[in-house]
Every structure is written in structure tokens, then in C-alpha cells.
């Protein structure tokens, strides 16, 4: 299977390219980057036979490619995914799928029309820690799921385009679409209303929010809360939890720790949910390990070979985008936003 990488910058190389090179039966044939240094670094990883281009359009148009990875800035996801799908390529598009609901709908429609696989880079679904948490919830370990939460206090994201509102679509869409996707996946019911507060209190040299609190209401009175701070010391854990009428689950992503609490005091189980091997590990800008990208890419290749829909498909990604946009709109308007306003 021949794959092209649109966007061979630091993330494209370190997260996607390195992991693609570990997959059996996969050849990275071409990459794009506006940076000569990035193209040279890609050749060092892949070898002298790698085709390199400064414009992603040239890679998307290559007849020999079966699929592409879109790892460009957020504002380019729509154009790149549309071009690749129209050229008959399978597409793994980094999150977010689009900056608007209309962009998401157009990409989903293009994939359906082309009969090609569309997968979105919500790699947290592929981390064994969260996969095990999802399994426990689905088999009823905590009963009827009522509440979820995510608390992430960390240092700033990498400087550059991620500081731009226009290029990212906003902090919550850029950073927390991952956590919103986890909420939607584990709640497994529709979000109906979003209320949020946030500001740029400390990192005032940037356009985007540096802190936020988000409350999402789901069908049946269920709720999820997100608490984000981007000016805390580096290395903080991302804490994700869930509580139902029979128990509670707490997780810490860097410790690979999952703690299950039942209502009886002795009913407490602390587990280490380790990942297999080191190939799936990727160290992000704050020095933390992200363990989902390798398995995500393997899933993409398997879905193409077996002609089946990925678990992180276009519709689920669109819903995560919609919740993020609702949260950012709530902050702007200083009022709650109904999901029906965005999704109809």
C-alpha cells in the first residue's frame, strides 16, 4: 500500500511518518512540506527514493498513491481532504475534520461519493487505557453512566501556527476536540447543550484561549465537564473519569493508571494499562507520551484492506467538532448554546 504524507513538519514526521515506517506492507512514497529542512529530514527517515514536494497538491494528485495522511494546519484540512478524495485516495485526516460543520459535511459527502475510507486522527480512542475504560463502561462495571470529567493542566502548546485563531479554529477545537470525542464515544448518546467559560489570562501574546471550563449536557440528564489550563508547569497528568450508579473510574494518562471504585469501600481496584511495545509512542510538545498514533495508523490500513468503516469516522468527528464550536460560541456569547443550533 502506497501512502503519501501531506505535511511533513515536526508532527507529521515524528508522529505519522515514524509510525508508518513500522507497518508491514506499507510504503511511504511521497511527502510534502514548504520547509526544505523538513523534506531533508523526511528523506533521512525514509530513504533517497522518497518523492518530496513543496506543495501538498502535488502529492494528492499522484496516481500511484492508495491513501494520504493529512497533517497540515487545521485551516487546510478541508481543501486537502477534498482534493485527495476526489483523486480517489483513502484519507486519514488529522483532527479536527473541519473548521465548520459545512466543511465536515462536504468531506463526509466526498468520501461517500468516492467510496473511500475516511478516518480522523482521534488517536485517544486507540490508547489501551481509554479502550479499557470504554470496555468497562460498556459491560456495566459502573452501572448507568451519569457523569464524566477531564482535567488537564499543562504547559503551552508548541509556538507558531497553534497560536493563531484563524489557523487553528480556536483552542478548544485544536486542543480539546480529543477529549470531547472521548466524552461522545463513552457517553454513546447525543449532546444537547453546551455552556462554557474561558479566557486568555496569562499567555497574552497569543490569540487563543489559555484556559476554559466547559459543561456538556447529554440526553437523559448526563453531563461531562472539561477543565483546561495551558499555563501550568509542563508534565501534568490528563485526568479523565466517569461515574455511574454502581461505581466510578479514574484514569491518569501518563501513569497509565486506571482505578475502579465500587460503592463498597473494599471494592477498589488499581490497574496499570500498559501499551504494547514502544513503536506507538510519540512525545508531544510538553514532553508527554501519546500512545495512540501507531495503533490508529494500523487501524486505518486495516480498514482500507478490509473495506470497513473506522471507529473514528467522519460522523463521529463532525459531532466532536460541533461540541467544540458550541463551547467556543458559548464563551463568546456568554450564554448556553443548544446543539440543534449547529446541527439542525
Protein backbone atom coordinates (compact mmCIF):
# COMPACT_ATOMS: atom_id res chain seq x y z
CA UNK A 1 0.00 0.00 0.00
CA UNK A 2 1.49 3.31 -1.08
CA UNK A 3 0.82 6.27 1.20
CA UNK A 4 1.61 9.97 0.88
CA UNK A 5 2.03 12.42 3.76
CA UNK A 6 0.63 15.92 3.29
CA UNK A 7 2.54 17.99 5.81
CA UNK A 8 5.93 16.59 6.81
CA UNK A 9 6.60 19.12 9.54
CA UNK A 10 7.61 18.16 13.06
CA UNK A 11 4.30 16.46 13.92
CA UNK A 12 3.87 14.85 10.51
CA UNK A 13 7.33 13.29 10.69
CA UNK A 14 7.60 12.38 14.36
CA UNK A 15 4.03 11.16 14.84
CA UNK A 16 2.94 9.82 11.45
CA UNK A 17 5.99 9.14 9.34
CA UNK A 18 7.95 7.24 12.00
CA UNK A 19 4.93 5.05 12.80
CA UNK A 20 4.05 4.44 9.14
CA UNK A 21 7.54 3.04 8.61
CA UNK A 22 6.84 0.30 11.18
CA UNK A 23 3.77 -1.09 9.35
CA UNK A 24 4.08 -4.22 7.23
CA UNK A 25 3.11 -3.90 3.59
CA UNK A 26 3.12 -0.09 3.68
CA UNK A 27 5.37 2.19 1.65
CA UNK A 28 5.61 5.93 2.21
CA UNK A 29 6.07 7.11 -1.38
CA UNK A 30 5.82 10.90 -1.16
CA UNK A 31 5.66 13.77 1.32
CA UNK A 32 5.07 17.50 1.14
CA UNK A 33 6.39 20.41 3.17
CA UNK A 34 7.13 24.05 2.50
CA UNK A 35 10.34 23.59 4.53
CA UNK A 36 13.43 22.23 2.78
CA UNK A 37 14.74 21.14 6.19
CA UNK A 38 11.61 19.07 6.78
CA UNK A 39 11.89 17.46 3.36
CA UNK A 40 15.56 16.61 4.02
CA UNK A 41 14.66 15.15 7.42
CA UNK A 42 11.94 13.03 5.79
CA UNK A 43 14.42 11.65 3.27
CA UNK A 44 16.76 10.72 6.09
CA UNK A 45 13.96 8.70 7.69
CA UNK A 46 12.57 7.03 4.55
CA UNK A 47 15.49 6.92 2.16
CA UNK A 48 16.64 8.62 -1.04
CA UNK A 49 13.79 7.15 -3.10
CA UNK A 50 11.19 9.27 -1.31
CA UNK A 51 9.46 11.79 -3.58
CA UNK A 52 9.34 15.23 -1.98
CA UNK A 53 7.22 18.24 -2.93
CA UNK A 54 6.74 21.71 -1.52
CA UNK A 55 3.01 21.77 -2.38
CA UNK A 56 0.62 19.21 -0.88
CA UNK A 57 -1.49 19.39 -4.06
CA UNK A 58 1.30 17.63 -5.96
CA UNK A 59 1.24 14.69 -3.55
CA UNK A 60 -2.55 14.41 -3.50
CA UNK A 61 -2.58 14.18 -7.32
CA UNK A 62 -0.09 11.28 -7.61
CA UNK A 63 -1.82 8.38 -9.36
CA UNK A 64 0.32 5.74 -7.67
CA UNK A 65 -0.88 6.53 -4.14
CA UNK A 66 -3.57 4.47 -2.44
CA UNK A 67 -4.00 6.79 0.53
CA UNK A 68 -2.82 10.01 2.13
CA UNK A 69 -2.35 11.33 5.63
CA UNK A 70 -3.43 14.98 6.02
CA UNK A 71 -1.18 16.55 8.67
CA UNK A 72 -1.43 20.18 7.59
CA UNK A 73 -2.57 23.15 9.65
CA UNK A 74 -6.25 22.93 10.62
CA UNK A 75 -7.35 25.55 8.11
CA UNK A 76 -6.08 23.35 5.23
CA UNK A 77 -7.77 20.09 6.26
CA UNK A 78 -10.90 20.69 4.20
CA UNK A 79 -9.17 21.57 0.94
CA UNK A 80 -6.60 18.76 1.24
CA UNK A 81 -9.11 16.06 2.19
CA UNK A 82 -11.47 17.10 -0.60
CA UNK A 83 -8.68 17.08 -3.20
CA UNK A 84 -7.39 13.67 -2.11
CA UNK A 85 -10.86 12.08 -2.05
CA UNK A 86 -11.70 13.48 -5.47
CA UNK A 87 -8.43 11.99 -6.70
CA UNK A 88 -9.60 8.57 -5.45
CA UNK A 89 -7.41 8.33 -2.35
CA UNK A 90 -8.33 6.96 1.06
CA UNK A 91 -7.81 9.68 3.67
CA UNK A 92 -6.71 9.84 7.27
CA UNK A 93 -7.22 13.48 8.18
CA UNK A 94 -5.75 14.86 11.36
CA UNK A 95 -8.25 16.39 13.75
CA UNK A 96 -10.29 18.49 13.53
CA UNK A 97 -12.09 17.26 10.44
CA UNK A 98 -13.06 20.84 9.57
CA UNK A 99 -13.36 24.33 10.98
CA UNK A 100 -17.14 24.40 10.35
CA UNK A 101 -19.99 21.91 10.19
CA UNK A 102 -20.34 22.66 6.48
CA UNK A 103 -16.70 21.68 5.87
CA UNK A 104 -17.23 18.42 7.75
CA UNK A 105 -20.36 17.62 5.74
CA UNK A 106 -18.58 18.26 2.45
CA UNK A 107 -15.69 15.95 3.33
CA UNK A 108 -18.03 13.19 4.54
CA UNK A 109 -20.07 13.52 1.34
CA UNK A 110 -16.95 13.38 -0.83
CA UNK A 111 -15.78 10.18 0.89
CA UNK A 112 -19.17 8.55 0.36
CA UNK A 113 -19.27 9.60 -3.29
CA UNK A 114 -15.74 8.32 -3.91
CA UNK A 115 -16.32 5.08 -1.98
CA UNK A 116 -13.15 5.67 0.02
CA UNK A 117 -12.23 5.28 3.69
CA UNK A 118 -12.26 8.48 5.74
CA UNK A 119 -10.67 8.31 9.17
CA UNK A 120 -9.98 11.21 11.53
CA UNK A 121 -7.00 11.49 13.87
CA UNK A 122 -8.74 10.97 17.20
CA UNK A 123 -5.97 8.70 18.43
CA UNK A 124 -7.08 8.68 22.08
CA UNK A 125 -9.64 6.03 21.09
CA UNK A 126 -6.67 3.77 20.33
CA UNK A 127 -4.83 4.18 23.61
CA UNK A 128 -5.30 0.98 25.60
CA UNK A 129 -6.02 2.97 28.77
CA UNK A 130 -9.13 4.57 27.29
CA UNK A 131 -10.07 1.47 25.35
CA UNK A 132 -10.19 -0.47 28.62
CA UNK A 133 -12.18 2.32 30.27
CA UNK A 134 -14.70 2.19 27.40
CA UNK A 135 -14.92 -1.61 27.74
CA UNK A 136 -15.64 -1.36 31.49
CA UNK A 137 -18.37 1.22 30.90
CA UNK A 138 -19.98 -0.81 28.12
CA UNK A 139 -20.10 -4.02 30.18
CA UNK A 140 -21.78 -2.16 33.06
CA UNK A 141 -19.00 -2.02 35.66
CA UNK A 142 -20.14 1.42 36.85
CA UNK A 143 -23.80 0.92 36.03
CA UNK A 144 -25.70 3.68 34.27
CA UNK A 145 -23.09 6.27 33.27
CA UNK A 146 -24.11 9.70 34.54
CA UNK A 147 -21.05 11.97 34.75
CA UNK A 148 -17.69 12.30 33.03
CA UNK A 149 -14.86 14.75 33.51
CA UNK A 150 -11.48 15.70 32.06
CA UNK A 151 -8.96 17.88 33.88
CA UNK A 152 -5.82 18.88 32.01
CA UNK A 153 -3.36 21.37 33.46
CA UNK A 154 -0.28 21.60 31.22
CA UNK A 155 2.21 23.95 29.66
CA UNK A 156 1.63 25.90 26.43
CA UNK A 157 1.31 24.19 23.07
CA UNK A 158 4.14 24.48 20.58
CA UNK A 159 4.54 28.08 19.35
CA UNK A 160 3.78 29.03 15.76
CA UNK A 161 0.55 28.37 13.91
CA UNK A 162 -1.10 26.89 17.02
CA UNK A 163 -1.16 30.41 18.46
CA UNK A 164 -3.42 31.63 15.65
CA UNK A 165 -7.21 31.65 15.95
CA UNK A 166 -7.64 31.58 12.17
CA UNK A 167 -5.27 28.66 11.55
CA UNK A 168 -6.46 26.51 14.45
CA UNK A 169 -10.14 27.38 14.69
CA UNK A 170 -9.68 28.10 18.39
CA UNK A 171 -8.14 26.43 21.43
CA UNK A 172 -10.98 24.05 22.23
CA UNK A 173 -11.24 22.87 18.63
CA UNK A 174 -7.47 22.48 18.32
CA UNK A 175 -6.63 21.06 21.73
CA UNK A 176 -9.73 19.59 23.33
CA UNK A 177 -11.53 18.03 20.38
CA UNK A 178 -9.72 14.86 21.53
CA UNK A 179 -11.37 14.93 24.95
CA UNK A 180 -14.76 15.91 23.55
CA UNK A 181 -14.50 12.92 21.22
CA UNK A 182 -13.79 10.67 24.22
CA UNK A 183 -16.85 12.04 26.01
CA UNK A 184 -19.08 11.43 22.97
CA UNK A 185 -17.65 7.94 22.44
CA UNK A 186 -18.10 6.81 26.02
CA UNK A 187 -21.42 8.54 26.70
CA UNK A 188 -22.80 7.00 23.48
CA UNK A 189 -25.74 9.40 23.38
CA UNK A 190 -26.37 12.80 21.84
CA UNK A 191 -25.06 16.06 23.35
CA UNK A 192 -27.88 18.59 23.61
CA UNK A 193 -26.46 21.77 25.19
CA UNK A 194 -23.07 23.33 25.96
CA UNK A 195 -22.13 26.01 28.49
CA UNK A 196 -18.58 27.32 28.71
CA UNK A 197 -16.33 30.00 30.17
CA UNK A 198 -12.76 30.81 29.22
CA UNK A 199 -10.20 33.50 28.58
CA UNK A 200 -6.68 34.50 27.64
CA UNK A 201 -5.45 35.37 31.12
CA UNK A 202 -1.72 34.63 31.08
CA UNK A 203 -0.46 33.83 27.55
CA UNK A 204 -1.47 37.25 26.30
CA UNK A 205 0.98 37.18 23.37
CA UNK A 206 -1.33 34.63 21.70
CA UNK A 207 -4.74 34.98 20.10
CA UNK A 208 -6.24 31.80 21.51
CA UNK A 209 -7.74 30.93 24.89
CA UNK A 210 -5.30 29.72 27.52
CA UNK A 211 -7.94 28.36 29.92
CA UNK A 212 -11.51 27.12 29.78
CA UNK A 213 -14.23 25.30 31.68
CA UNK A 214 -16.83 23.51 29.57
CA UNK A 215 -20.05 21.77 30.63
CA UNK A 216 -21.76 19.46 28.12
CA UNK A 217 -25.29 18.19 28.71
CA UNK A 218 -26.22 14.89 27.08
CA UNK A 219 -29.52 13.12 26.59
CA UNK A 220 -31.04 11.71 29.75
CA UNK A 221 -29.56 14.35 32.04
CA UNK A 222 -25.99 13.06 31.72
CA UNK A 223 -23.17 15.61 31.84
CA UNK A 224 -19.47 15.91 31.07
CA UNK A 225 -17.08 18.64 32.20
CA UNK A 226 -13.76 19.77 30.76
CA UNK A 227 -11.25 21.89 32.67
CA UNK A 228 -8.23 23.16 30.73
CA UNK A 229 -5.22 25.27 31.68
CA UNK A 230 -2.34 25.92 29.25
CA UNK A 231 -0.10 27.91 31.59
CA UNK A 232 0.61 25.25 34.22
CA UNK A 233 4.05 23.63 34.58
CA UNK A 234 4.81 21.02 31.93
CA UNK A 235 4.20 17.34 32.50
CA UNK A 236 0.85 17.43 34.28
CA UNK A 237 -1.38 14.39 34.02
CA UNK A 238 -4.56 14.43 31.98
CA UNK A 239 -7.20 13.07 34.33
CA UNK A 240 -10.30 11.51 32.77
CA UNK A 241 -13.04 9.99 34.88
CA UNK A 242 -16.53 8.56 34.78
CA UNK A 243 -19.19 7.84 37.41
CA UNK A 244 -22.40 5.81 37.25
CA UNK A 245 -24.91 4.49 39.74
CA UNK A 246 -22.74 1.45 40.62
CA UNK A 247 -19.20 2.80 40.61
CA UNK A 248 -16.53 5.16 39.35
CA UNK A 249 -13.44 5.07 37.12
CA UNK A 250 -10.45 7.43 37.39
CA UNK A 251 -7.58 7.47 34.88
CA UNK A 252 -4.24 9.25 34.52
CA UNK A 253 -2.84 9.05 31.03
CA UNK A 254 0.89 9.38 31.71
CA UNK A 255 0.88 6.95 34.62
CA UNK A 256 -1.22 4.52 32.55
CA UNK A 257 -3.29 4.17 35.70
CA UNK A 258 -6.93 3.19 35.96
CA UNK A 259 -8.67 2.99 39.34
CA UNK A 260 -12.09 1.39 39.69
CA UNK A 261 -14.19 2.19 42.77
CA UNK A 262 -17.36 0.34 43.73
CA UNK A 263 -19.77 1.61 46.36
CA UNK A 264 -18.39 -0.82 48.93
CA UNK A 265 -15.15 0.54 50.39
CA UNK A 266 -13.10 -2.66 49.82
CA UNK A 267 -14.23 -2.79 46.19
CA UNK A 268 -11.35 -0.77 44.80
CA UNK A 269 -9.05 -1.95 42.02
CA UNK A 270 -5.95 -0.08 40.80
CA UNK A 271 -4.66 -1.19 37.39
CA UNK A 272 -1.75 -0.37 35.10
CA UNK A 273 -2.94 -0.45 31.48
CA UNK A 274 0.33 -0.66 29.59
CA UNK A 275 0.63 -0.36 25.82
CA UNK A 276 2.31 -2.95 23.65
CA UNK A 277 5.82 -2.06 22.60
CA UNK A 278 7.35 1.35 22.02
CA UNK A 279 6.54 1.86 18.34
CA UNK A 280 3.23 3.57 19.12
CA UNK A 281 4.78 6.16 21.41
CA UNK A 282 5.04 9.80 20.40
CA UNK A 283 6.29 12.58 22.69
CA UNK A 284 4.25 15.75 22.31
CA UNK A 285 5.38 19.35 22.72
CA UNK A 286 5.03 19.28 26.51
CA UNK A 287 7.16 16.15 26.81
CA UNK A 288 4.26 13.77 27.37
CA UNK A 289 3.87 10.44 25.61
CA UNK A 290 0.92 9.90 23.25
CA UNK A 291 0.44 6.18 22.72
CA UNK A 292 -2.43 6.10 20.21
CA UNK A 293 -0.97 7.18 16.88
CA UNK A 294 0.69 3.90 15.90
CA UNK A 295 -2.44 1.78 16.53
CA UNK A 296 -4.54 4.46 14.80
CA UNK A 297 -2.46 4.17 11.63
CA UNK A 298 -2.61 0.38 11.79
CA UNK A 299 -6.41 0.61 12.08
CA UNK A 300 -6.53 2.91 9.02
CA UNK A 301 -4.56 0.44 6.92
CA UNK A 302 -6.70 -2.49 8.12
CA UNK A 303 -9.92 -0.61 7.29
CA UNK A 304 -8.68 0.03 3.75
CA UNK A 305 -7.67 -3.60 3.25
CA UNK A 306 -10.93 -4.95 4.70
CA UNK A 307 -13.21 -2.20 3.30
CA UNK A 308 -14.78 -1.39 6.69
CA UNK A 309 -15.56 1.86 8.45
CA UNK A 310 -13.10 3.06 11.10
CA UNK A 311 -14.28 3.60 14.66
CA UNK A 312 -13.21 7.25 14.34
CA UNK A 313 -15.22 8.01 11.22
CA UNK A 314 -16.45 11.25 9.70
CA UNK A 315 -19.77 11.45 11.53
CA UNK A 316 -18.23 10.99 14.98
CA UNK A 317 -15.57 13.58 14.15
CA UNK A 318 -18.22 16.03 12.97
CA UNK A 319 -20.05 15.66 16.28
CA UNK A 320 -16.86 16.40 18.21
CA UNK A 321 -16.27 19.50 16.06
CA UNK A 322 -19.84 20.65 16.71
CA UNK A 323 -19.46 20.42 20.50
CA UNK A 324 -16.17 22.35 20.36
CA UNK A 325 -17.71 25.08 18.22
CA UNK A 326 -20.67 25.27 20.60
CA UNK A 327 -18.28 25.70 23.55
CA UNK A 328 -16.36 28.49 21.84
CA UNK A 329 -19.59 30.17 20.82
CA UNK A 330 -20.84 29.91 24.41
CA UNK A 331 -17.70 31.69 25.63
CA UNK A 332 -18.16 34.44 23.05
CA UNK A 333 -21.86 34.94 23.75
CA UNK A 334 -21.70 34.29 27.50
CA UNK A 335 -24.70 32.00 27.31
CA UNK A 336 -25.54 28.35 26.77
CA UNK A 337 -25.69 27.05 23.19
CA UNK A 338 -28.08 24.33 22.02
CA UNK A 339 -26.54 21.70 19.76
CA UNK A 340 -29.56 21.94 17.48
CA UNK A 341 -28.37 25.43 16.54
CA UNK A 342 -25.29 23.91 14.92
CA UNK A 343 -26.57 20.54 13.76
CA UNK A 344 -30.17 21.37 12.90
